[in-house]
Structure formats: C-alpha cells, structure tokens
Amino acid sequence: MGAAWPPTWMEQPMINKGNPVVLEKNMSFFTHMILNDRKTGLSMAVAEQAIITEDAPEIITHVPRTPIIKS
C-alpha cells in the first residue's frame, strides 16, 4: 500500500466541493483515484503524496508513473 499514518490513511479533511478547509502551506495530502471495472471485477488506483507550498504542490511520491503490466 505505501506509507500510512495512524489511525487510518482516510482521514479528514477530504478534498471535495463545499469543504470549508483551506489548503495551507506545509499541509501534506494523499490524493487518490480508484477506478473499478464492474464487468471484470478489476480495479486500479492512482495516487500522489504532496505538500502544499506557496506555488505548485510539491509531489513527494517517488515511484514511476508508468503502468505496471503483468501478463
């Protein structure tokens, strides 16, 4: 899975429309998207760990962004 911070990696604040939390400098976020194929039962996830800076977020994920294809 990767790094996890207790008690869970699914903590508030969630980044969604209407959330009043302001993203501030030095906050760390793990953002992810899960894609499911109901027909085949397959799923995949894409994620990044980032730190908010004055400018663009600093991506601290250090794994390649190329797909891993197993045959």
Protein backbone atom coordinates (compact mmCIF):
# COMPACT_ATOMS: atom_id res chain seq x y z
CA MET A 1 0.00 0.00 0.00
CA GLY A 2 2.67 2.56 0.84
CA ALA A 3 3.04 4.93 3.75
CA ALA A 4 0.21 5.20 6.25
CA TRP A 5 -0.36 7.48 9.20
CA PRO A 6 -2.49 6.19 12.07
CA PRO A 7 -5.29 5.78 12.76
CA THR A 8 -6.02 5.46 9.01
CA TRP A 9 -4.93 6.86 5.67
CA MET A 10 -8.54 8.00 5.01
CA GLU A 11 -8.69 10.96 7.38
CA GLN A 12 -10.29 14.37 7.22
CA PRO A 13 -10.06 16.77 5.57
CA MET A 14 -11.36 15.26 2.37
CA ILE A 15 -10.81 17.44 -0.69
CA ASN A 16 -14.27 17.95 -2.14
CA LYS A 17 -16.66 20.69 -3.24
CA GLY A 18 -18.11 22.59 -0.31
CA ASN A 19 -15.43 21.62 2.21
CA PRO A 20 -14.56 24.81 4.14
CA VAL A 21 -10.98 23.70 4.91
CA VAL A 22 -8.37 25.98 3.32
CA LEU A 23 -5.30 24.29 1.87
CA GLU A 24 -2.35 25.96 3.59
CA LYS A 25 1.41 25.92 3.14
CA ASN A 26 3.15 22.82 4.60
CA MET A 27 -0.03 20.71 4.74
CA SER A 28 0.51 17.19 3.39
CA PHE A 29 -2.13 15.40 1.33
CA PHE A 30 -2.51 11.94 -0.12
CA THR A 31 -4.85 12.19 -3.08
CA HIS A 32 -6.04 9.13 -4.93
CA MET A 33 -8.49 7.94 -7.52
CA ILE A 34 -9.80 4.38 -7.70
CA LEU A 35 -11.12 3.02 -10.99
CA ASN A 36 -13.35 -0.06 -10.98
CA ASP A 37 -14.49 -2.24 -13.86
CA ARG A 38 -17.68 -3.88 -12.63
CA LYS A 39 -17.87 -6.22 -15.60
CA THR A 40 -14.49 -7.85 -14.97
CA GLY A 41 -14.17 -7.12 -11.24
CA LEU A 42 -10.81 -5.42 -11.82
CA SER A 43 -9.73 -2.21 -10.14
CA MET A 44 -6.75 0.11 -10.06
CA ALA A 45 -5.68 3.15 -8.10
CA VAL A 46 -3.58 6.18 -8.97
CA ALA A 47 -2.26 8.35 -6.14
CA GLU A 48 0.13 11.12 -5.16
CA GLN A 49 1.52 12.37 -1.86
CA ALA A 50 2.05 16.14 -1.94
CA ILE A 51 2.98 19.04 0.30
CA ILE A 52 1.25 22.38 -0.23
CA THR A 53 3.73 25.20 -1.00
CA GLU A 54 3.45 28.90 -1.89
CA ASP A 55 3.28 27.89 -5.56
CA ALA A 56 2.50 24.47 -7.02
CA PRO A 57 2.23 21.46 -4.69
CA GLU A 58 5.50 19.57 -4.11
CA ILE A 59 4.93 15.98 -5.20
CA ILE A 60 6.83 13.69 -2.84
CA THR A 61 5.75 10.39 -4.37
CA HIS A 62 8.89 8.71 -5.65
CA VAL A 63 7.55 5.86 -7.76
CA PRO A 64 7.48 5.80 -11.56
CA ARG A 65 4.25 6.91 -13.24
CA THR A 66 4.50 4.23 -15.89
CA PRO A 67 1.94 1.41 -15.82
CA ILE A 68 2.94 -1.98 -14.42
CA ILE A 69 1.57 -4.61 -16.75
CA LYS A 70 1.58 -8.23 -15.65
CA SER A 71 0.87 -10.94 -18.15
